[in-house]
Amino acid sequence: MLSDGLAWIGVHSSADASAVLPGMLGGISLTCARGVDADEFLIALGADLDELADRTPCKDLVVPVRRRGDRSPHVNRAMYGACGDWVYVLEDGGMATWAAGYRAVPSMRPAPGEEFVCVTMNAWSPPRSVVHAPGDGRVWQAEFGEDTGQGSVLDVALRAAGAVFPAIGEVGETVLAAHYEEYGPGLPGAVFTAVGAYCGLSVDQGAVQAGDLPAVLLPMV
């Protein structure tokens, strides 16, 4: 079982999220942040204070059943943890809450000195994307197969991992199609490998799949 780094998240990215798992495996989106307090970041994403204080493992978290006509917000599980300077959030509800909400929700907007790296699956609104707020108040975004165009250390990591494909203007449509056919299946793994290398982040697959990490419920943005 793969457990080192983040490549395993990408390897399983095309698998459906499974409600029968005590934790998560397929279709996981990842948000990493540093320069922020972990609890404050989760609260900004919509975590309940009491639920956060309980530190309930994901396998024991009860997700309420949404009934017809119920006006309460739809919620998804989010596991979280810390590695080095980074706090990370894992979600298998189709997209990353931070990526969906940072433009519109004031509490999610990156402030100077706060860095965010997010890989969001955007299952309901493609394309899959990497979002980077480097800490200067700006936010850059790239689809899978691209870099952010800023020449950043993250961009270097994406290229080194093989996560940046040639542009159609450079190689032509035929060559690009052949490149995607050969290397496209491995692209999610390359993206997560690059993010793991950039952040120095490793998340254990076994712990995530077993639901051993603490979790909260986040409302859909």
N, C-alpha and C. Protein backbone atom coordinates (compact mmCIF):
# COMPACT_ATOMS: atom_id res chain seq x y z
N MET A 1 0.85 -1.20 0.00
CA MET A 1 0.00 0.00 0.00
C MET A 1 0.88 1.25 0.00
N LEU A 2 0.62 2.14 -0.93
CA LEU A 2 1.38 3.39 -0.96
C LEU A 2 1.04 4.25 0.24
N SER A 3 2.07 4.76 0.90
CA SER A 3 1.79 5.62 2.05
C SER A 3 2.69 6.83 2.08
N ASP A 4 3.74 6.86 1.26
CA ASP A 4 4.69 7.95 1.32
C ASP A 4 4.27 9.05 0.35
N GLY A 5 4.44 10.30 0.76
CA GLY A 5 4.11 11.41 -0.11
C GLY A 5 2.61 11.52 -0.35
N LEU A 6 2.27 12.05 -1.53
CA LEU A 6 0.86 12.27 -1.87
C LEU A 6 0.46 11.58 -3.16
N ALA A 7 1.39 10.90 -3.81
CA ALA A 7 1.09 10.32 -5.13
C ALA A 7 -0.12 9.41 -5.10
N TRP A 8 -0.32 8.70 -3.99
CA TRP A 8 -1.44 7.74 -3.92
C TRP A 8 -2.79 8.43 -4.08
N ILE A 9 -2.88 9.69 -3.64
CA ILE A 9 -4.15 10.41 -3.80
C ILE A 9 -4.48 10.56 -5.28
N GLY A 10 -3.48 10.92 -6.07
CA GLY A 10 -3.68 11.05 -7.50
C GLY A 10 -3.95 9.73 -8.18
N VAL A 11 -3.27 8.67 -7.75
CA VAL A 11 -3.46 7.35 -8.33
C VAL A 11 -4.92 6.91 -8.22
N HIS A 12 -5.57 7.27 -7.11
CA HIS A 12 -6.95 6.86 -6.87
C HIS A 12 -7.95 7.97 -7.21
N SER A 13 -7.51 9.01 -7.91
CA SER A 13 -8.37 10.17 -8.12
C SER A 13 -9.58 9.87 -8.98
N SER A 14 -9.49 8.88 -9.86
CA SER A 14 -10.62 8.58 -10.74
C SER A 14 -11.62 7.62 -10.11
N ALA A 15 -11.27 7.07 -8.94
CA ALA A 15 -12.20 6.17 -8.26
C ALA A 15 -13.30 6.97 -7.58
N ASP A 16 -14.50 6.42 -7.55
CA ASP A 16 -15.61 7.10 -6.90
C ASP A 16 -15.40 7.16 -5.39
N ALA A 17 -15.82 8.25 -4.78
CA ALA A 17 -15.84 8.32 -3.32
C ALA A 17 -16.82 7.26 -2.82
N SER A 18 -16.40 6.52 -1.82
CA SER A 18 -17.22 5.40 -1.35
C SER A 18 -17.76 5.68 0.03
N ALA A 19 -19.09 5.67 0.15
CA ALA A 19 -19.73 5.91 1.44
C ALA A 19 -19.53 4.74 2.40
N VAL A 20 -19.11 3.57 1.87
CA VAL A 20 -18.94 2.41 2.73
C VAL A 20 -17.58 2.40 3.42
N LEU A 21 -16.65 3.21 2.94
CA LEU A 21 -15.34 3.28 3.58
C LEU A 21 -15.45 4.05 4.90
N PRO A 22 -14.72 3.60 5.91
CA PRO A 22 -14.69 4.39 7.15
C PRO A 22 -13.95 5.71 6.96
N GLY A 23 -13.08 5.76 5.96
CA GLY A 23 -12.34 6.99 5.65
C GLY A 23 -12.54 7.39 4.20
N MET A 24 -11.44 7.68 3.49
CA MET A 24 -11.50 8.15 2.11
C MET A 24 -10.43 7.47 1.28
N LEU A 25 -10.67 7.39 -0.02
CA LEU A 25 -9.65 6.88 -0.94
C LEU A 25 -9.78 7.51 -2.33
N GLY A 26 -10.97 7.42 -2.94
CA GLY A 26 -11.14 7.92 -4.29
C GLY A 26 -11.59 9.37 -4.35
N GLY A 27 -11.13 10.08 -5.38
CA GLY A 27 -11.61 11.44 -5.66
C GLY A 27 -11.33 12.45 -4.57
N ILE A 28 -10.18 12.35 -3.93
CA ILE A 28 -9.86 13.26 -2.82
C ILE A 28 -9.30 14.58 -3.34
N SER A 29 -9.83 15.68 -2.83
CA SER A 29 -9.25 17.02 -3.03
C SER A 29 -8.42 17.37 -1.80
N LEU A 30 -7.36 18.13 -2.01
CA LEU A 30 -6.43 18.47 -0.93
C LEU A 30 -6.24 19.97 -0.85
N THR A 31 -6.31 20.51 0.36
CA THR A 31 -5.95 21.91 0.61
C THR A 31 -4.90 21.95 1.70
N CYS A 32 -3.79 22.62 1.43
CA CYS A 32 -2.71 22.79 2.41
C CYS A 32 -2.57 24.28 2.71
N ALA A 33 -2.30 24.60 3.96
CA ALA A 33 -2.13 26.01 4.34
C ALA A 33 -1.02 26.12 5.38
N ARG A 34 -0.25 27.21 5.30
CA ARG A 34 0.72 27.51 6.34
C ARG A 34 0.70 29.02 6.61
N GLY A 35 1.10 29.34 7.84
CA GLY A 35 0.98 30.74 8.26
C GLY A 35 -0.39 31.01 8.85
N VAL A 36 -1.18 29.96 9.06
CA VAL A 36 -2.52 30.10 9.65
C VAL A 36 -2.64 29.11 10.80
N ASP A 37 -3.48 29.44 11.78
CA ASP A 37 -3.78 28.51 12.85
C ASP A 37 -4.71 27.42 12.31
N ALA A 38 -4.42 26.17 12.65
CA ALA A 38 -5.17 25.06 12.09
C ALA A 38 -6.66 25.15 12.40
N ASP A 39 -7.01 25.40 13.65
CA ASP A 39 -8.42 25.47 14.02
C ASP A 39 -9.10 26.66 13.37
N GLU A 40 -8.42 27.80 13.33
CA GLU A 40 -9.00 28.98 12.70
C GLU A 40 -9.26 28.74 11.21
N PHE A 41 -8.35 28.01 10.57
CA PHE A 41 -8.53 27.70 9.16
C PHE A 41 -9.76 26.82 8.95
N LEU A 42 -9.93 25.81 9.78
CA LEU A 42 -11.08 24.92 9.65
C LEU A 42 -12.39 25.65 9.96
N ILE A 43 -12.36 26.56 10.93
CA ILE A 43 -13.54 27.36 11.23
C ILE A 43 -13.90 28.25 10.04
N ALA A 44 -12.86 28.82 9.40
CA ALA A 44 -13.09 29.65 8.22
C ALA A 44 -13.74 28.84 7.10
N LEU A 45 -13.44 27.54 7.03
CA LEU A 45 -14.05 26.68 6.02
C LEU A 45 -15.47 26.28 6.36
N GLY A 46 -15.88 26.54 7.63
CA GLY A 46 -17.26 26.26 8.03
C GLY A 46 -17.40 25.19 9.09
N ALA A 47 -16.28 24.77 9.70
CA ALA A 47 -16.35 23.73 10.74
C ALA A 47 -17.07 24.26 11.98
N ASP A 48 -17.83 23.38 12.62
CA ASP A 48 -18.52 23.71 13.87
C ASP A 48 -17.52 23.70 15.02
N LEU A 49 -17.60 24.69 15.90
CA LEU A 49 -16.65 24.81 17.01
C LEU A 49 -16.66 23.58 17.91
N ASP A 50 -17.84 23.14 18.31
CA ASP A 50 -17.93 21.99 19.20
C ASP A 50 -17.43 20.72 18.52
N GLU A 51 -17.78 20.57 17.27
CA GLU A 51 -17.35 19.40 16.52
C GLU A 51 -15.83 19.38 16.38
N LEU A 52 -15.26 20.54 16.15
CA LEU A 52 -13.81 20.66 16.03
C LEU A 52 -13.13 20.32 17.34
N ALA A 53 -13.71 20.77 18.44
CA ALA A 53 -13.12 20.51 19.76
C ALA A 53 -13.14 19.03 20.11
N ASP A 54 -14.09 18.29 19.55
CA ASP A 54 -14.23 16.86 19.87
C ASP A 54 -13.13 16.01 19.24
N ARG A 55 -12.52 16.49 18.15
CA ARG A 55 -11.47 15.73 17.46
C ARG A 55 -11.93 14.30 17.15
N THR A 56 -13.14 14.19 16.63
CA THR A 56 -13.72 12.89 16.31
C THR A 56 -13.04 12.27 15.10
N PRO A 57 -12.57 11.02 15.19
CA PRO A 57 -12.02 10.35 14.00
C PRO A 57 -13.07 10.25 12.90
N CYS A 58 -12.62 10.31 11.67
CA CYS A 58 -13.55 10.27 10.54
C CYS A 58 -14.43 9.03 10.58
N LYS A 59 -13.88 7.89 10.99
CA LYS A 59 -14.65 6.65 11.01
C LYS A 59 -15.80 6.70 12.01
N ASP A 60 -15.74 7.62 12.97
CA ASP A 60 -16.80 7.73 13.98
C ASP A 60 -17.71 8.94 13.76
N LEU A 61 -17.43 9.71 12.72
CA LEU A 61 -18.22 10.91 12.46
C LEU A 61 -19.55 10.54 11.82
N VAL A 62 -20.62 11.04 12.37
CA VAL A 62 -21.95 10.73 11.84
C VAL A 62 -22.38 11.85 10.89
N VAL A 63 -22.64 11.48 9.65
CA VAL A 63 -23.11 12.43 8.64
C VAL A 63 -24.63 12.37 8.60
N PRO A 64 -25.32 13.46 8.91
CA PRO A 64 -26.79 13.43 8.92
C PRO A 64 -27.36 13.17 7.54
N VAL A 65 -28.45 12.41 7.52
CA VAL A 65 -29.13 12.12 6.25
C VAL A 65 -29.96 13.33 5.85
N ARG A 66 -29.76 13.78 4.63
CA ARG A 66 -30.52 14.93 4.14
C ARG A 66 -31.88 14.47 3.64
N ARG A 67 -32.95 15.04 4.21
CA ARG A 67 -34.31 14.63 3.85
C ARG A 67 -34.92 15.58 2.83
N ARG A 68 -35.87 15.06 2.09
CA ARG A 68 -36.56 15.88 1.08
C ARG A 68 -37.21 17.09 1.76
N GLY A 69 -36.96 18.28 1.21
CA GLY A 69 -37.52 19.50 1.76
C GLY A 69 -36.74 20.08 2.92
N ASP A 70 -35.67 19.40 3.33
CA ASP A 70 -34.85 19.90 4.44
C ASP A 70 -34.07 21.12 3.98
N ARG A 71 -34.15 22.22 4.72
CA ARG A 71 -33.49 23.46 4.33
C ARG A 71 -32.09 23.57 4.90
N SER A 72 -31.67 22.60 5.69
CA SER A 72 -30.32 22.66 6.25
C SER A 72 -29.29 22.46 5.14
N PRO A 73 -28.10 23.03 5.30
CA PRO A 73 -27.10 22.94 4.23
C PRO A 73 -26.59 21.50 4.07
N HIS A 74 -26.26 21.16 2.85
CA HIS A 74 -25.63 19.87 2.59
C HIS A 74 -24.21 19.91 3.12
N VAL A 75 -23.77 18.84 3.76
CA VAL A 75 -22.44 18.82 4.35
C VAL A 75 -21.64 17.63 3.83
N ASN A 76 -20.32 17.79 3.84
CA ASN A 76 -19.40 16.73 3.47
C ASN A 76 -18.35 16.55 4.55
N ARG A 77 -17.83 15.34 4.66
CA ARG A 77 -16.76 15.07 5.60
C ARG A 77 -15.45 15.71 5.12
N ALA A 78 -14.64 16.14 6.07
CA ALA A 78 -13.32 16.65 5.77
C ALA A 78 -12.36 16.16 6.86
N MET A 79 -11.38 15.37 6.46
CA MET A 79 -10.34 14.96 7.40
C MET A 79 -9.22 15.99 7.39
N TYR A 80 -8.51 16.09 8.49
CA TYR A 80 -7.45 17.08 8.56
C TYR A 80 -6.30 16.58 9.41
N GLY A 81 -5.16 17.25 9.22
CA GLY A 81 -3.97 16.90 9.99
C GLY A 81 -2.90 17.96 9.77
N ALA A 82 -1.71 17.71 10.26
CA ALA A 82 -0.60 18.64 10.13
C ALA A 82 0.66 17.87 9.78
N CYS A 83 1.52 18.51 8.99
CA CYS A 83 2.81 17.93 8.62
C CYS A 83 3.79 19.08 8.44
N GLY A 84 4.80 19.14 9.29
CA GLY A 84 5.72 20.27 9.23
C GLY A 84 5.01 21.58 9.51
N ASP A 85 5.20 22.55 8.62
CA ASP A 85 4.57 23.87 8.78
C ASP A 85 3.13 23.90 8.26
N TRP A 86 2.68 22.82 7.66
CA TRP A 86 1.43 22.84 6.93
C TRP A 86 0.30 22.15 7.69
N VAL A 87 -0.88 22.71 7.59
CA VAL A 87 -2.11 22.01 7.97
C VAL A 87 -2.77 21.59 6.66
N TYR A 88 -3.34 20.40 6.63
CA TYR A 88 -3.96 19.94 5.39
C TYR A 88 -5.38 19.46 5.66
N VAL A 89 -6.20 19.57 4.62
CA VAL A 89 -7.60 19.15 4.67
C VAL A 89 -7.87 18.26 3.47
N LEU A 90 -8.48 17.10 3.72
CA LEU A 90 -8.82 16.15 2.67
C LEU A 90 -10.33 16.05 2.56
N GLU A 91 -10.85 16.14 1.33
CA GLU A 91 -12.29 16.07 1.10
C GLU A 91 -12.56 15.19 -0.11
N ASP A 92 -13.59 14.36 -0.03
CA ASP A 92 -13.95 13.53 -1.18
C ASP A 92 -15.37 13.83 -1.67
N GLY A 93 -15.81 15.06 -1.44
CA GLY A 93 -17.16 15.46 -1.85
C GLY A 93 -17.25 16.07 -3.23
N GLY A 94 -16.18 15.97 -4.02
CA GLY A 94 -16.23 16.46 -5.39
C GLY A 94 -15.35 17.65 -5.67
N MET A 95 -15.07 18.46 -4.63
CA MET A 95 -14.21 19.63 -4.80
C MET A 95 -13.69 20.06 -3.44
N ALA A 96 -12.71 20.95 -3.46
CA ALA A 96 -12.15 21.49 -2.23
C ALA A 96 -12.96 22.72 -1.80
N THR A 97 -13.39 22.74 -0.55
CA THR A 97 -14.19 23.85 -0.04
C THR A 97 -13.47 25.18 -0.20
N TRP A 98 -12.18 25.20 0.11
CA TRP A 98 -11.44 26.47 0.02
C TRP A 98 -11.42 26.99 -1.42
N ALA A 99 -11.14 26.13 -2.37
CA ALA A 99 -11.08 26.56 -3.77
C ALA A 99 -12.43 27.06 -4.25
N ALA A 100 -13.51 26.46 -3.75
CA ALA A 100 -14.85 26.88 -4.17
C ALA A 100 -15.27 28.19 -3.53
N GLY A 101 -14.68 28.53 -2.37
CA GLY A 101 -15.21 29.65 -1.62
C GLY A 101 -14.34 30.85 -1.39
N TYR A 102 -13.03 30.76 -1.71
CA TYR A 102 -12.14 31.85 -1.30
C TYR A 102 -12.45 33.18 -1.99
N ARG A 103 -13.05 33.13 -3.16
CA ARG A 103 -13.38 34.38 -3.86
C ARG A 103 -14.56 35.10 -3.20
N ALA A 104 -15.52 34.34 -2.71
CA ALA A 104 -16.77 34.93 -2.23
C ALA A 104 -16.88 35.01 -0.71
N VAL A 105 -16.16 34.16 0.01
CA VAL A 105 -16.28 34.11 1.46
C VAL A 105 -15.10 34.86 2.10
N PRO A 106 -15.36 35.98 2.74
CA PRO A 106 -14.25 36.80 3.28
C PRO A 106 -13.30 36.04 4.18
N SER A 107 -13.81 35.14 5.03
CA SER A 107 -12.94 34.43 5.97
C SER A 107 -11.97 33.49 5.28
N MET A 108 -12.25 33.12 4.03
CA MET A 108 -11.38 32.20 3.30
C MET A 108 -10.33 32.91 2.46
N ARG A 109 -10.44 34.22 2.32
CA ARG A 109 -9.52 34.93 1.44
C ARG A 109 -8.11 34.93 2.03
N PRO A 110 -7.11 34.59 1.22
CA PRO A 110 -5.74 34.54 1.73
C PRO A 110 -5.20 35.93 2.04
N ALA A 111 -4.62 36.07 3.21
CA ALA A 111 -4.01 37.33 3.62
C ALA A 111 -2.50 37.24 3.39
N PRO A 112 -1.82 38.38 3.30
CA PRO A 112 -0.36 38.34 3.18
C PRO A 112 0.26 37.53 4.31
N GLY A 113 1.20 36.68 3.94
CA GLY A 113 1.84 35.82 4.91
C GLY A 113 1.17 34.47 5.07
N GLU A 114 0.00 34.28 4.43
CA GLU A 114 -0.71 33.01 4.48
C GLU A 114 -0.59 32.33 3.11
N GLU A 115 -0.01 31.15 3.08
CA GLU A 115 0.16 30.44 1.82
C GLU A 115 -0.80 29.26 1.74
N PHE A 116 -1.40 29.09 0.58
CA PHE A 116 -2.31 27.97 0.33
C PHE A 116 -1.91 27.27 -0.96
N VAL A 117 -1.96 25.96 -0.93
CA VAL A 117 -1.82 25.14 -2.13
C VAL A 117 -2.99 24.17 -2.13
N CYS A 118 -3.75 24.17 -3.21
CA CYS A 118 -4.98 23.38 -3.26
C CYS A 118 -5.05 22.60 -4.56
N VAL A 119 -5.36 21.32 -4.45
CA VAL A 119 -5.65 20.50 -5.63
C VAL A 119 -7.11 20.10 -5.53
N THR A 120 -7.93 20.62 -6.42
CA THR A 120 -9.37 20.39 -6.35
C THR A 120 -9.85 19.60 -7.56
N MET A 121 -10.63 18.55 -7.30
CA MET A 121 -11.08 17.65 -8.35
C MET A 121 -12.18 18.26 -9.22
N ASN A 122 -12.95 19.20 -8.66
CA ASN A 122 -14.01 19.87 -9.42
C ASN A 122 -14.88 18.87 -10.21
N ALA A 123 -15.33 17.86 -9.50
CA ALA A 123 -16.09 16.78 -10.15
C ALA A 123 -17.35 17.29 -10.84
N TRP A 124 -17.98 18.33 -10.27
CA TRP A 124 -19.24 18.83 -10.84
C TRP A 124 -19.02 20.03 -11.74
N SER A 125 -17.82 20.57 -11.75
CA SER A 125 -17.53 21.74 -12.57
C SER A 125 -16.07 21.71 -13.02
N PRO A 126 -15.74 20.82 -13.98
CA PRO A 126 -14.35 20.69 -14.44
C PRO A 126 -13.84 22.02 -15.00
N PRO A 127 -12.54 22.19 -15.10
CA PRO A 127 -11.50 21.16 -15.02
C PRO A 127 -10.91 21.02 -13.61
N ARG A 128 -10.20 19.92 -13.41
CA ARG A 128 -9.42 19.75 -12.19
C ARG A 128 -8.31 20.79 -12.19
N SER A 129 -8.03 21.34 -11.01
CA SER A 129 -7.13 22.49 -10.97
C SER A 129 -6.20 22.46 -9.76
N VAL A 130 -5.10 23.15 -9.92
CA VAL A 130 -4.18 23.47 -8.82
C VAL A 130 -4.30 24.96 -8.57
N VAL A 131 -4.53 25.35 -7.32
CA VAL A 131 -4.67 26.75 -6.95
C VAL A 131 -3.56 27.09 -5.96
N HIS A 132 -2.85 28.19 -6.21
CA HIS A 132 -1.73 28.56 -5.34
C HIS A 132 -1.84 30.02 -4.92
N ALA A 133 -1.93 30.24 -3.63
CA ALA A 133 -1.84 31.59 -3.05
C ALA A 133 -0.49 31.65 -2.35
N PRO A 134 0.52 32.31 -2.94
CA PRO A 134 1.89 32.20 -2.43
C PRO A 134 2.18 32.99 -1.15
N GLY A 135 1.21 33.79 -0.70
CA GLY A 135 1.42 34.53 0.54
C GLY A 135 1.53 36.02 0.37
N ASP A 136 1.37 36.49 -0.87
CA ASP A 136 1.45 37.93 -1.12
C ASP A 136 0.09 38.54 -1.43
N GLY A 137 -0.97 37.78 -1.14
CA GLY A 137 -2.32 38.28 -1.38
C GLY A 137 -2.89 37.93 -2.73
N ARG A 138 -2.05 37.39 -3.62
CA ARG A 138 -2.51 37.01 -4.95
C ARG A 138 -2.81 35.52 -5.00
N VAL A 139 -3.58 35.11 -6.00
CA VAL A 139 -3.93 33.70 -6.19
C VAL A 139 -3.75 33.34 -7.65
N TRP A 140 -3.04 32.22 -7.89
CA TRP A 140 -2.82 31.74 -9.25
C TRP A 140 -3.45 30.38 -9.40
N GLN A 141 -3.91 30.07 -10.61
CA GLN A 141 -4.60 28.81 -10.84
C GLN A 141 -4.12 28.18 -12.13
N ALA A 142 -4.06 26.85 -12.14
CA ALA A 142 -3.66 26.12 -13.34
C ALA A 142 -4.48 24.85 -13.45
N GLU A 143 -4.91 24.53 -14.65
CA GLU A 143 -5.56 23.25 -14.89
C GLU A 143 -4.53 22.14 -14.82
N PHE A 144 -4.98 20.91 -14.58
CA PHE A 144 -4.07 19.76 -14.63
C PHE A 144 -3.40 19.75 -16.01
N GLY A 145 -2.10 19.56 -16.02
CA GLY A 145 -1.33 19.56 -17.27
C GLY A 145 -0.65 20.87 -17.53
N GLU A 146 -0.92 21.89 -16.69
CA GLU A 146 -0.32 23.22 -16.84
C GLU A 146 0.38 23.61 -15.54
N ASP A 147 1.21 24.66 -15.61
CA ASP A 147 1.67 25.30 -14.39
C ASP A 147 1.02 26.67 -14.29
N THR A 148 1.30 27.40 -13.23
CA THR A 148 0.62 28.68 -13.02
C THR A 148 1.17 29.80 -13.88
N GLY A 149 2.30 29.57 -14.54
CA GLY A 149 2.90 30.59 -15.39
C GLY A 149 3.69 31.63 -14.64
N GLN A 150 3.92 31.42 -13.35
CA GLN A 150 4.61 32.43 -12.53
C GLN A 150 6.08 32.10 -12.31
N GLY A 151 6.52 30.97 -12.80
CA GLY A 151 7.92 30.59 -12.59
C GLY A 151 8.24 30.34 -11.13
N SER A 152 7.26 29.94 -10.36
CA SER A 152 7.44 29.73 -8.92
C SER A 152 8.12 28.39 -8.64
N VAL A 153 8.48 28.20 -7.39
CA VAL A 153 9.05 26.92 -6.98
C VAL A 153 8.03 25.80 -7.16
N LEU A 154 6.74 26.11 -6.95
CA LEU A 154 5.70 25.12 -7.21
C LEU A 154 5.66 24.76 -8.68
N ASP A 155 5.79 25.74 -9.56
CA ASP A 155 5.81 25.47 -10.99
C ASP A 155 6.99 24.56 -11.35
N VAL A 156 8.13 24.82 -10.75
CA VAL A 156 9.32 23.98 -10.98
C VAL A 156 9.03 22.54 -10.55
N ALA A 157 8.37 22.38 -9.41
CA ALA A 157 8.03 21.06 -8.90
C ALA A 157 7.05 20.35 -9.84
N LEU A 158 6.08 21.08 -10.37
CA LEU A 158 5.12 20.50 -11.31
C LEU A 158 5.83 19.99 -12.57
N ARG A 159 6.77 20.78 -13.07
CA ARG A 159 7.51 20.37 -14.26
C ARG A 159 8.41 19.17 -13.97
N ALA A 160 9.05 19.19 -12.82
CA ALA A 160 9.95 18.09 -12.46
C ALA A 160 9.21 16.77 -12.31
N ALA A 161 7.95 16.84 -11.88
CA ALA A 161 7.15 15.63 -11.69
C ALA A 161 6.48 15.16 -12.97
N GLY A 162 6.65 15.90 -14.06
CA GLY A 162 5.99 15.53 -15.31
C GLY A 162 4.53 15.92 -15.35
N ALA A 163 4.14 16.91 -14.54
CA ALA A 163 2.74 17.32 -14.45
C ALA A 163 2.40 18.47 -15.38
N VAL A 164 3.37 18.93 -16.19
CA VAL A 164 3.11 20.01 -17.15
C VAL A 164 3.29 19.45 -18.55
N PHE A 165 2.23 19.45 -19.32
CA PHE A 165 2.25 18.91 -20.67
C PHE A 165 2.58 20.01 -21.68
N PRO A 166 3.08 19.65 -22.85
CA PRO A 166 3.40 20.68 -23.85
C PRO A 166 2.14 21.40 -24.32
N ALA A 167 2.30 22.65 -24.74
CA ALA A 167 1.19 23.44 -25.26
C ALA A 167 0.94 23.07 -26.71
N ILE A 168 -0.33 23.19 -27.12
CA ILE A 168 -0.68 22.82 -28.49
C ILE A 168 0.07 23.67 -29.51
N GLY A 169 0.36 24.92 -29.14
CA GLY A 169 1.10 25.79 -30.04
C GLY A 169 2.55 25.38 -30.22
N GLU A 170 3.06 24.59 -29.29
CA GLU A 170 4.46 24.15 -29.35
C GLU A 170 4.63 22.88 -30.16
N VAL A 171 3.67 21.96 -30.05
CA VAL A 171 3.87 20.64 -30.66
C VAL A 171 2.80 20.27 -31.68
N GLY A 172 1.69 21.00 -31.71
CA GLY A 172 0.62 20.68 -32.63
C GLY A 172 -0.39 19.72 -32.02
N GLU A 173 -1.57 19.69 -32.62
CA GLU A 173 -2.69 18.94 -32.06
C GLU A 173 -2.43 17.43 -32.03
N THR A 174 -1.84 16.90 -33.10
CA THR A 174 -1.63 15.45 -33.19
C THR A 174 -0.67 14.97 -32.11
N VAL A 175 0.45 15.65 -31.97
CA VAL A 175 1.45 15.26 -30.98
C VAL A 175 0.89 15.42 -29.57
N LEU A 176 0.14 16.50 -29.35
CA LEU A 176 -0.42 16.73 -28.02
C LEU A 176 -1.44 15.64 -27.67
N ALA A 177 -2.26 15.24 -28.63
CA ALA A 177 -3.23 14.18 -28.39
C ALA A 177 -2.54 12.87 -28.04
N ALA A 178 -1.45 12.59 -28.73
CA ALA A 178 -0.68 11.38 -28.45
C ALA A 178 -0.05 11.45 -27.06
N HIS A 179 0.40 12.63 -26.68
CA HIS A 179 1.01 12.83 -25.36
C HIS A 179 -0.02 12.58 -24.26
N TYR A 180 -1.21 13.12 -24.44
CA TYR A 180 -2.27 12.92 -23.44
C TYR A 180 -2.68 11.45 -23.36
N GLU A 181 -2.72 10.79 -24.52
CA GLU A 181 -3.10 9.38 -24.52
C GLU A 181 -2.09 8.54 -23.74
N GLU A 182 -0.80 8.88 -23.89
CA GLU A 182 0.25 8.10 -23.23
C GLU A 182 0.41 8.47 -21.76
N TYR A 183 0.40 9.77 -21.47
CA TYR A 183 0.74 10.22 -20.13
C TYR A 183 -0.45 10.73 -19.32
N GLY A 184 -1.60 10.92 -19.96
CA GLY A 184 -2.76 11.45 -19.26
C GLY A 184 -3.19 10.65 -18.05
N PRO A 185 -3.22 9.31 -18.13
CA PRO A 185 -3.65 8.54 -16.95
C PRO A 185 -2.78 8.77 -15.72
N GLY A 186 -1.52 9.11 -15.92
CA GLY A 186 -0.63 9.33 -14.78
C GLY A 186 -0.57 10.77 -14.32
N LEU A 187 -1.34 11.65 -14.98
CA LEU A 187 -1.26 13.07 -14.66
C LEU A 187 -1.67 13.41 -13.23
N PRO A 188 -2.80 12.88 -12.71
CA PRO A 188 -3.15 13.21 -11.32
C PRO A 188 -2.07 12.79 -10.32
N GLY A 189 -1.48 11.62 -10.54
CA GLY A 189 -0.41 11.19 -9.66
C GLY A 189 0.77 12.13 -9.71
N ALA A 190 1.08 12.64 -10.91
CA ALA A 190 2.19 13.59 -11.06
C ALA A 190 1.90 14.91 -10.35
N VAL A 191 0.65 15.37 -10.45
CA VAL A 191 0.27 16.63 -9.80
C VAL A 191 0.43 16.51 -8.28
N PHE A 192 -0.11 15.44 -7.71
CA PHE A 192 -0.01 15.27 -6.26
C PHE A 192 1.43 15.02 -5.82
N THR A 193 2.21 14.33 -6.65
CA THR A 193 3.64 14.16 -6.35
C THR A 193 4.32 15.51 -6.25
N ALA A 194 4.02 16.40 -7.20
CA ALA A 194 4.63 17.73 -7.21
C ALA A 194 4.25 18.54 -5.99
N VAL A 195 2.97 18.51 -5.62
CA VAL A 195 2.51 19.26 -4.46
C VAL A 195 3.15 18.71 -3.18
N GLY A 196 3.24 17.38 -3.10
CA GLY A 196 3.89 16.78 -1.95
C GLY A 196 5.35 17.19 -1.84
N ALA A 197 6.05 17.22 -2.98
CA ALA A 197 7.45 17.62 -2.98
C ALA A 197 7.61 19.08 -2.60
N TYR A 198 6.74 19.94 -3.13
CA TYR A 198 6.83 21.37 -2.84
C TYR A 198 6.58 21.66 -1.36
N CYS A 199 5.58 21.01 -0.80
CA CYS A 199 5.20 21.26 0.59
C CYS A 199 6.00 20.42 1.59
N GLY A 200 6.74 19.42 1.09
CA GLY A 200 7.38 18.49 1.99
C GLY A 200 6.34 17.71 2.79
N LEU A 201 5.24 17.37 2.11
CA LEU A 201 4.07 16.83 2.79
C LEU A 201 3.88 15.35 2.45
N SER A 202 3.63 14.55 3.47
CA SER A 202 3.31 13.15 3.29
C SER A 202 2.09 12.82 4.15
N VAL A 203 1.12 12.14 3.56
CA VAL A 203 -0.10 11.75 4.26
C VAL A 203 -0.27 10.25 4.10
N ASP A 204 -0.41 9.54 5.19
CA ASP A 204 -0.45 8.09 5.16
C ASP A 204 -1.77 7.57 4.58
N GLN A 205 -1.67 6.79 3.52
CA GLN A 205 -2.87 6.26 2.87
C GLN A 205 -3.66 5.37 3.80
N GLY A 206 -2.98 4.54 4.55
CA GLY A 206 -3.68 3.62 5.44
C GLY A 206 -4.53 4.33 6.46
N ALA A 207 -3.98 5.41 7.06
CA ALA A 207 -4.73 6.16 8.07
C ALA A 207 -5.93 6.86 7.46
N VAL A 208 -5.77 7.37 6.23
CA VAL A 208 -6.87 8.07 5.57
C VAL A 208 -7.97 7.08 5.18
N GLN A 209 -7.59 5.96 4.61
CA GLN A 209 -8.56 4.97 4.18
C GLN A 209 -9.31 4.37 5.38
N ALA A 210 -8.61 4.22 6.50
CA ALA A 210 -9.24 3.66 7.69
C ALA A 210 -10.07 4.67 8.46
N GLY A 211 -9.94 5.97 8.10
CA GLY A 211 -10.69 7.01 8.79
C GLY A 211 -10.16 7.32 10.17
N ASP A 212 -8.85 7.14 10.35
CA ASP A 212 -8.25 7.36 11.68
C ASP A 212 -7.96 8.83 11.97
N LEU A 213 -7.90 9.68 10.95
CA LEU A 213 -7.63 11.10 11.17
C LEU A 213 -8.89 11.80 11.67
N PRO A 214 -8.72 12.89 12.45
CA PRO A 214 -9.89 13.63 12.89
C PRO A 214 -10.62 14.25 11.72
N ALA A 215 -11.91 14.47 11.89
CA ALA A 215 -12.73 14.98 10.79
C ALA A 215 -13.81 15.91 11.31
N VAL A 216 -14.29 16.76 10.43
CA VAL A 216 -15.42 17.65 10.70
C VAL A 216 -16.34 17.63 9.50
N LEU A 217 -17.53 18.17 9.66
CA LEU A 217 -18.46 18.33 8.56
C LEU A 217 -18.38 19.76 8.05
N LEU A 218 -18.21 19.92 6.74
CA LEU A 218 -18.14 21.24 6.14
C LEU A 218 -19.33 21.45 5.22
N PRO A 219 -20.02 22.59 5.33
CA PRO A 219 -21.14 22.87 4.42
C PRO A 219 -20.63 23.14 3.01
N MET A 220 -21.38 22.70 2.03
CA MET A 220 -21.01 22.99 0.65
C MET A 220 -21.13 24.49 0.39
N VAL A 221 -20.12 25.03 -0.25
CA VAL A 221 -20.10 26.49 -0.52
C VAL A 221 -20.97 26.78 -1.74
